[in-house]
């Protein structure tokens, strides 16, 4: 008998959206860092800095929430059924006992 896992039916879509949000987050954080380096060189692009900061904040929130929603399926299908049986060292990397 298979257990009832939250968001099991939509887990693939959640993971794809999580990855897309993470890509946006990485891009916005990189651009924000480049604007910050420009501040050090005397080029002040305040509007761009605010836009990238807001984008980082929003993308981080979306990435975090999508990761939370996709986690139950990972916890059961990947960690419990595979990692804890075959690759215990990998299972303990992020969640030590």
N, C-alpha and C. Protein backbone atom coordinates (compact mmCIF):
# COMPACT_ATOMS: atom_id res chain seq x y z
N UNK A 1 0.83 -1.19 0.00
CA UNK A 1 0.00 0.00 0.00
C UNK A 1 0.88 1.25 0.00
N UNK A 2 0.56 2.15 -0.86
CA UNK A 2 1.35 3.38 -1.01
C UNK A 2 0.76 4.47 -0.11
N UNK A 3 1.64 5.18 0.61
CA UNK A 3 1.13 6.24 1.50
C UNK A 3 0.64 7.46 0.71
N UNK A 4 -0.23 8.22 1.34
CA UNK A 4 -0.74 9.45 0.75
C UNK A 4 0.26 10.57 1.01
N UNK A 5 0.87 11.07 -0.06
CA UNK A 5 1.90 12.09 0.05
C UNK A 5 1.34 13.40 -0.49
N UNK A 6 1.58 14.48 0.24
CA UNK A 6 1.07 15.79 -0.17
C UNK A 6 1.68 16.20 -1.50
N UNK A 7 0.85 16.72 -2.38
CA UNK A 7 1.25 17.24 -3.69
C UNK A 7 1.97 16.19 -4.54
N UNK A 8 1.64 14.92 -4.36
CA UNK A 8 2.30 13.84 -5.09
C UNK A 8 2.01 13.93 -6.59
N UNK A 9 0.79 14.30 -6.94
CA UNK A 9 0.42 14.34 -8.35
C UNK A 9 1.07 15.49 -9.11
N UNK A 10 1.33 16.58 -8.43
CA UNK A 10 1.89 17.75 -9.11
C UNK A 10 3.36 17.98 -8.78
N UNK A 11 4.05 16.96 -8.28
CA UNK A 11 5.43 17.13 -7.83
C UNK A 11 6.38 17.47 -8.98
N UNK A 12 6.21 16.87 -10.13
CA UNK A 12 7.11 17.17 -11.25
C UNK A 12 7.00 18.62 -11.68
N UNK A 13 5.76 19.11 -11.78
CA UNK A 13 5.56 20.50 -12.13
C UNK A 13 6.16 21.42 -11.06
N UNK A 14 5.99 21.07 -9.81
CA UNK A 14 6.55 21.88 -8.72
C UNK A 14 8.07 21.94 -8.80
N UNK A 15 8.70 20.83 -9.12
CA UNK A 15 10.16 20.80 -9.21
C UNK A 15 10.65 21.62 -10.41
N UNK A 16 9.95 21.54 -11.52
CA UNK A 16 10.33 22.34 -12.70
C UNK A 16 10.16 23.83 -12.40
N UNK A 17 9.05 24.21 -11.75
CA UNK A 17 8.85 25.61 -11.38
C UNK A 17 9.87 26.06 -10.34
N UNK A 18 10.23 25.16 -9.43
CA UNK A 18 11.25 25.45 -8.43
C UNK A 18 12.59 25.73 -9.11
N UNK A 19 12.93 24.93 -10.10
CA UNK A 19 14.19 25.13 -10.84
C UNK A 19 14.15 26.44 -11.62
N UNK A 20 13.03 26.75 -12.25
CA UNK A 20 12.91 28.01 -13.00
C UNK A 20 13.03 29.21 -12.07
N UNK A 21 12.39 29.13 -10.91
CA UNK A 21 12.50 30.23 -9.94
C UNK A 21 13.93 30.37 -9.43
N UNK A 22 14.62 29.25 -9.27
CA UNK A 22 16.02 29.30 -8.83
C UNK A 22 16.91 29.93 -9.89
N UNK A 23 16.62 29.70 -11.15
CA UNK A 23 17.39 30.32 -12.23
C UNK A 23 17.17 31.84 -12.21
N UNK A 24 15.93 32.26 -12.03
CA UNK A 24 15.64 33.69 -11.93
C UNK A 24 16.36 34.28 -10.72
N UNK A 25 16.36 33.57 -9.61
CA UNK A 25 17.03 34.03 -8.39
C UNK A 25 18.53 34.20 -8.62
N UNK A 26 19.16 33.24 -9.25
CA UNK A 26 20.59 33.33 -9.52
C UNK A 26 20.90 34.50 -10.45
N UNK A 27 20.10 34.67 -11.48
CA UNK A 27 20.32 35.78 -12.41
C UNK A 27 20.15 37.13 -11.75
N UNK A 28 19.09 37.28 -10.96
CA UNK A 28 18.84 38.56 -10.29
C UNK A 28 19.92 38.85 -9.26
N UNK A 29 20.35 37.83 -8.53
CA UNK A 29 21.41 38.04 -7.52
C UNK A 29 22.73 38.42 -8.20
N UNK A 30 23.02 37.79 -9.32
CA UNK A 30 24.25 38.13 -10.06
C UNK A 30 24.20 39.56 -10.57
N UNK A 31 23.07 39.95 -11.15
CA UNK A 31 22.95 41.31 -11.65
C UNK A 31 22.99 42.33 -10.51
N UNK A 32 22.40 41.98 -9.39
CA UNK A 32 22.44 42.88 -8.24
C UNK A 32 23.88 43.04 -7.74
N UNK A 33 24.64 41.96 -7.75
CA UNK A 33 26.05 42.04 -7.35
C UNK A 33 26.84 42.93 -8.31
N UNK A 34 26.54 42.82 -9.60
CA UNK A 34 27.23 43.67 -10.58
C UNK A 34 26.89 45.15 -10.38
N UNK A 35 25.63 45.43 -10.05
CA UNK A 35 25.25 46.82 -9.75
C UNK A 35 25.98 47.30 -8.50
N UNK A 36 26.11 46.44 -7.50
CA UNK A 36 26.82 46.81 -6.26
C UNK A 36 28.29 47.09 -6.54
N UNK A 37 28.90 46.31 -7.42
CA UNK A 37 30.29 46.58 -7.81
C UNK A 37 30.38 47.92 -8.52
N UNK A 38 29.37 48.24 -9.32
CA UNK A 38 29.33 49.54 -9.97
C UNK A 38 29.26 50.68 -8.97
N UNK A 39 28.57 50.47 -7.84
CA UNK A 39 28.53 51.49 -6.79
C UNK A 39 29.94 51.78 -6.29
N UNK A 40 30.74 50.74 -6.13
CA UNK A 40 32.11 50.92 -5.65
C UNK A 40 32.97 51.70 -6.65
N UNK A 41 32.61 51.60 -7.92
CA UNK A 41 33.37 52.30 -8.97
C UNK A 41 32.81 53.69 -9.27
N UNK A 42 31.79 54.08 -8.53
CA UNK A 42 31.24 55.42 -8.73
C UNK A 42 30.10 55.51 -9.72
N UNK A 43 29.62 54.38 -10.22
CA UNK A 43 28.47 54.36 -11.13
C UNK A 43 27.23 53.96 -10.33
N UNK A 44 26.39 54.92 -10.06
CA UNK A 44 25.23 54.67 -9.21
C UNK A 44 23.99 54.46 -10.07
N UNK A 45 23.54 53.24 -10.10
CA UNK A 45 22.31 52.87 -10.82
C UNK A 45 21.29 52.41 -9.76
N UNK A 46 20.74 53.40 -9.06
CA UNK A 46 19.88 53.11 -7.92
C UNK A 46 18.61 52.37 -8.36
N UNK A 47 18.04 52.78 -9.46
CA UNK A 47 16.80 52.14 -9.93
C UNK A 47 17.03 50.66 -10.23
N UNK A 48 18.11 50.35 -10.93
CA UNK A 48 18.42 48.95 -11.22
C UNK A 48 18.69 48.16 -9.94
N UNK A 49 19.39 48.78 -9.01
CA UNK A 49 19.66 48.12 -7.73
C UNK A 49 18.38 47.76 -7.00
N UNK A 50 17.41 48.68 -7.01
CA UNK A 50 16.12 48.40 -6.36
C UNK A 50 15.34 47.31 -7.09
N UNK A 51 15.36 47.36 -8.42
CA UNK A 51 14.64 46.34 -9.19
C UNK A 51 15.23 44.96 -8.93
N UNK A 52 16.55 44.84 -8.97
CA UNK A 52 17.17 43.54 -8.75
C UNK A 52 16.99 43.07 -7.31
N UNK A 53 17.03 43.99 -6.35
CA UNK A 53 16.80 43.60 -4.96
C UNK A 53 15.38 43.07 -4.77
N UNK A 54 14.40 43.73 -5.36
CA UNK A 54 13.01 43.26 -5.26
C UNK A 54 12.84 41.92 -5.97
N UNK A 55 13.52 41.76 -7.11
CA UNK A 55 13.43 40.49 -7.85
C UNK A 55 14.06 39.36 -7.04
N UNK A 56 15.20 39.63 -6.40
CA UNK A 56 15.84 38.61 -5.55
C UNK A 56 14.91 38.22 -4.42
N UNK A 57 14.30 39.20 -3.78
CA UNK A 57 13.39 38.92 -2.68
C UNK A 57 12.20 38.06 -3.13
N UNK A 58 11.59 38.45 -4.22
CA UNK A 58 10.44 37.70 -4.72
C UNK A 58 10.82 36.30 -5.19
N UNK A 59 11.91 36.20 -5.93
CA UNK A 59 12.34 34.89 -6.45
C UNK A 59 12.75 33.97 -5.31
N UNK A 60 13.37 34.52 -4.27
CA UNK A 60 13.74 33.70 -3.12
C UNK A 60 12.49 33.15 -2.44
N UNK A 61 11.50 33.99 -2.26
CA UNK A 61 10.26 33.54 -1.63
C UNK A 61 9.57 32.46 -2.44
N UNK A 62 9.47 32.67 -3.74
CA UNK A 62 8.83 31.68 -4.62
C UNK A 62 9.61 30.37 -4.62
N UNK A 63 10.93 30.46 -4.73
CA UNK A 63 11.77 29.26 -4.73
C UNK A 63 11.61 28.49 -3.42
N UNK A 64 11.59 29.21 -2.32
CA UNK A 64 11.45 28.59 -1.01
C UNK A 64 10.11 27.86 -0.88
N UNK A 65 9.03 28.52 -1.26
CA UNK A 65 7.70 27.93 -1.13
C UNK A 65 7.56 26.72 -2.06
N UNK A 66 8.02 26.83 -3.28
CA UNK A 66 7.93 25.68 -4.20
C UNK A 66 8.78 24.51 -3.70
N UNK A 67 9.93 24.79 -3.11
CA UNK A 67 10.75 23.73 -2.53
C UNK A 67 10.04 23.06 -1.37
N UNK A 68 9.36 23.84 -0.54
CA UNK A 68 8.59 23.27 0.56
C UNK A 68 7.48 22.36 0.07
N UNK A 69 6.82 22.77 -1.00
CA UNK A 69 5.72 21.97 -1.53
C UNK A 69 6.21 20.68 -2.20
N UNK A 70 7.38 20.72 -2.81
CA UNK A 70 7.91 19.53 -3.48
C UNK A 70 8.62 18.58 -2.52
N UNK A 71 8.97 19.04 -1.34
CA UNK A 71 9.79 18.26 -0.41
C UNK A 71 9.16 16.93 0.04
N UNK A 72 7.87 16.86 0.34
CA UNK A 72 7.33 15.57 0.82
C UNK A 72 7.55 14.42 -0.16
N UNK A 73 7.40 14.68 -1.44
CA UNK A 73 7.63 13.61 -2.43
C UNK A 73 9.09 13.20 -2.45
N UNK A 74 10.00 14.17 -2.41
CA UNK A 74 11.43 13.85 -2.35
C UNK A 74 11.73 13.02 -1.11
N UNK A 75 11.19 13.45 0.01
CA UNK A 75 11.46 12.79 1.29
C UNK A 75 11.09 11.31 1.23
N UNK A 76 9.98 10.98 0.60
CA UNK A 76 9.55 9.58 0.54
C UNK A 76 10.23 8.83 -0.61
N UNK A 77 10.10 9.34 -1.83
CA UNK A 77 10.55 8.59 -3.00
C UNK A 77 12.06 8.55 -3.17
N UNK A 78 12.73 9.65 -2.90
CA UNK A 78 14.17 9.70 -3.13
C UNK A 78 14.93 9.31 -1.87
N UNK A 79 14.66 10.03 -0.79
CA UNK A 79 15.45 9.80 0.42
C UNK A 79 15.12 8.46 1.07
N UNK A 80 13.86 8.21 1.36
CA UNK A 80 13.50 7.00 2.10
C UNK A 80 13.67 5.73 1.28
N UNK A 81 13.22 5.75 0.05
CA UNK A 81 13.25 4.52 -0.75
C UNK A 81 14.59 4.25 -1.42
N UNK A 82 15.40 5.28 -1.67
CA UNK A 82 16.66 5.03 -2.35
C UNK A 82 17.88 5.38 -1.49
N UNK A 83 17.99 6.63 -1.08
CA UNK A 83 19.22 7.07 -0.42
C UNK A 83 19.50 6.33 0.89
N UNK A 84 18.48 6.13 1.69
CA UNK A 84 18.71 5.48 2.99
C UNK A 84 19.00 3.99 2.85
N UNK A 85 18.73 3.43 1.68
CA UNK A 85 19.04 2.02 1.46
C UNK A 85 20.36 1.82 0.72
N UNK A 86 20.62 2.69 -0.27
CA UNK A 86 21.78 2.48 -1.13
C UNK A 86 22.93 3.45 -0.89
N UNK A 87 22.62 4.67 -0.58
CA UNK A 87 23.64 5.72 -0.44
C UNK A 87 23.42 6.47 0.87
N UNK A 88 23.72 5.82 1.97
CA UNK A 88 23.46 6.40 3.29
C UNK A 88 24.27 7.69 3.49
N UNK A 89 25.48 7.74 2.99
CA UNK A 89 26.31 8.95 3.16
C UNK A 89 25.64 10.15 2.51
N UNK A 90 25.02 9.95 1.34
CA UNK A 90 24.34 11.05 0.66
C UNK A 90 23.08 11.46 1.40
N UNK A 91 22.42 10.52 2.00
CA UNK A 91 21.22 10.81 2.77
C UNK A 91 21.52 11.68 3.97
N UNK A 92 22.70 11.50 4.55
CA UNK A 92 23.06 12.24 5.77
C UNK A 92 23.76 13.57 5.49
N UNK A 93 23.97 13.93 4.23
CA UNK A 93 24.64 15.18 3.93
C UNK A 93 23.86 16.39 4.42
N UNK A 94 22.56 16.39 4.18
CA UNK A 94 21.76 17.55 4.52
C UNK A 94 20.86 17.34 5.72
N UNK A 95 20.65 16.11 6.11
CA UNK A 95 19.77 15.82 7.23
C UNK A 95 20.41 14.75 8.11
N UNK A 96 21.42 15.12 8.87
CA UNK A 96 22.06 14.11 9.73
C UNK A 96 21.12 13.64 10.83
N UNK A 97 21.33 12.45 11.27
CA UNK A 97 20.49 11.91 12.35
C UNK A 97 21.03 12.27 13.67
